[in-house]
Amino acid sequence: MKLKIQDYNDVTVVELHGDLDSDVVEMFQDAIIGIVSKDRIGIVLDMCNVGFIDSEGLEQLLWARDYCNENMRELRLAGLDENCLRILEITRLASDFAHYNELTQAVKSFA
């Protein structure tokens, strides 16, 4: 997996490329911790290039949500493909995340 991080005003977008699985735990957590340590109001995970989320990936999403909440930051998901959205629905986690079809919608939701 590759991560690309960009700031848009007070929001940081993390563009994910590849599968969200156990191979990326440390890199993913380091990125979220680094962003939260800055004076940002929120994080958008751009998931449009993620094709699969395994159980460890789901745990990382929940960890990121909780870590953001504990540090008074908000987390949004954007661009979930049909497969990833279905995984969240099957595990009953879809309602645990604010998610948007388009990245621009997710970024604008912080305004």
Protein backbone atom coordinates (compact mmCIF):
# COMPACT_ATOMS: atom_id res chain seq x y z
CA MET A 1 0.00 0.00 0.00
CA LYS A 2 1.05 3.55 -0.71
CA LEU A 3 -0.12 6.64 1.13
CA LYS A 4 -0.22 10.14 -0.30
CA ILE A 5 -0.92 12.93 2.18
CA GLN A 6 -2.20 16.38 1.17
CA ASP A 7 -3.53 19.28 3.20
CA TYR A 8 -6.62 21.26 2.17
CA ASN A 9 -7.02 24.20 4.54
CA ASP A 10 -7.60 22.57 7.97
CA VAL A 11 -8.29 19.08 6.57
CA THR A 12 -5.73 16.44 5.66
CA VAL A 13 -6.52 13.93 2.91
CA VAL A 14 -4.81 10.55 3.03
CA GLU A 15 -5.02 8.90 -0.36
CA LEU A 16 -4.70 5.14 0.03
CA HIS A 17 -3.49 2.92 -2.83
CA GLY A 18 -3.75 -0.85 -2.42
CA ASP A 19 -5.35 -3.19 0.07
CA LEU A 20 -5.98 -2.11 3.65
CA ASP A 21 -4.63 -5.15 5.45
CA SER A 22 -2.17 -6.36 8.08
CA ASP A 23 0.83 -5.42 5.92
CA VAL A 24 0.22 -1.68 6.41
CA VAL A 25 -0.61 -1.37 10.11
CA GLU A 26 2.53 0.48 11.20
CA MET A 27 2.62 2.82 8.19
CA PHE A 28 -1.09 3.61 8.54
CA GLN A 29 -0.89 4.28 12.28
CA ASP A 30 2.23 6.44 11.90
CA ALA A 31 0.47 8.55 9.27
CA ILE A 32 -2.66 9.06 11.40
CA ILE A 33 -0.64 9.87 14.54
CA GLY A 34 1.45 12.37 12.57
CA ILE A 35 -1.59 14.12 11.16
CA VAL A 36 -3.42 14.26 14.48
CA SER A 37 -0.34 15.82 16.11
CA LYS A 38 -0.71 18.78 13.74
CA ASP A 39 -3.36 21.44 14.19
CA ARG A 40 -5.84 19.87 11.74
CA ILE A 41 -9.59 19.66 12.31
CA GLY A 42 -10.07 16.45 10.42
CA ILE A 43 -8.83 13.64 8.24
CA VAL A 44 -10.38 12.24 5.08
CA LEU A 45 -9.29 8.77 4.01
CA ASP A 46 -9.60 8.69 0.22
CA MET A 47 -10.44 5.04 -0.36
CA CYS A 48 -11.14 5.13 -4.11
CA ASN A 49 -7.99 3.10 -4.84
CA VAL A 50 -8.56 0.51 -2.10
CA GLY A 51 -9.96 -2.76 -3.43
CA PHE A 52 -10.04 -4.84 -0.28
CA ILE A 53 -10.17 -4.43 3.50
CA ASP A 54 -9.37 -7.43 5.69
CA SER A 55 -10.13 -7.81 9.41
CA GLU A 56 -6.91 -6.04 10.39
CA GLY A 57 -7.79 -3.21 8.00
CA LEU A 58 -11.19 -2.90 9.68
CA GLU A 59 -9.46 -2.77 13.05
CA GLN A 60 -7.21 0.01 11.74
CA LEU A 61 -10.20 2.03 10.56
CA LEU A 62 -11.82 1.66 13.98
CA TRP A 63 -8.55 2.56 15.68
CA ALA A 64 -8.18 5.66 13.47
CA ARG A 65 -11.76 6.72 14.25
CA ASP A 66 -11.24 6.28 17.98
CA TYR A 67 -7.81 7.94 17.96
CA CYS A 68 -9.25 10.94 16.10
CA ASN A 69 -12.18 11.16 18.53
CA GLU A 70 -9.88 10.98 21.56
CA ASN A 71 -7.86 13.86 20.13
CA MET A 72 -10.90 15.93 19.13
CA ARG A 73 -10.43 15.36 15.41
CA GLU A 74 -12.94 14.00 12.93
CA LEU A 75 -12.46 11.17 10.45
CA ARG A 76 -14.31 10.77 7.17
CA LEU A 77 -14.10 8.13 4.44
CA ALA A 78 -14.47 8.97 0.77
CA GLY A 79 -14.72 7.01 -2.46
CA LEU A 80 -15.43 3.56 -1.09
CA ASP A 81 -15.88 1.15 -3.96
CA GLU A 82 -18.74 -1.34 -3.96
CA ASN A 83 -16.61 -4.12 -2.48
CA CYS A 84 -15.26 -2.05 0.43
CA LEU A 85 -18.66 -0.57 1.19
CA ARG A 86 -20.14 -4.07 1.22
CA ILE A 87 -17.45 -5.20 3.68
CA LEU A 88 -18.40 -2.33 6.00
CA GLU A 89 -22.08 -3.17 5.63
CA ILE A 90 -21.63 -6.91 6.28
CA THR A 91 -19.61 -6.17 9.42
CA ARG A 92 -22.19 -3.57 10.45
CA LEU A 93 -19.55 -0.87 10.55
CA ALA A 94 -20.88 1.33 7.74
CA SER A 95 -22.89 3.44 10.18
CA ASP A 96 -19.80 3.91 12.39
CA PHE A 97 -18.15 6.11 9.78
CA ALA A 98 -19.16 9.25 7.98
CA HIS A 99 -18.59 8.28 4.36
CA TYR A 100 -19.06 10.13 1.12
CA ASN A 101 -19.08 9.09 -2.52
CA GLU A 102 -16.76 11.89 -3.60
CA LEU A 103 -13.59 13.25 -2.00
CA THR A 104 -14.74 16.85 -2.51
CA GLN A 105 -17.95 16.14 -0.59
CA ALA A 106 -15.98 14.72 2.32
CA VAL A 107 -13.58 17.68 2.45
CA LYS A 108 -16.43 20.20 2.18
CA SER A 109 -18.29 18.46 5.02
CA PHE A 110 -15.82 20.05 7.44
CA ALA A 111 -16.87 23.58 6.45
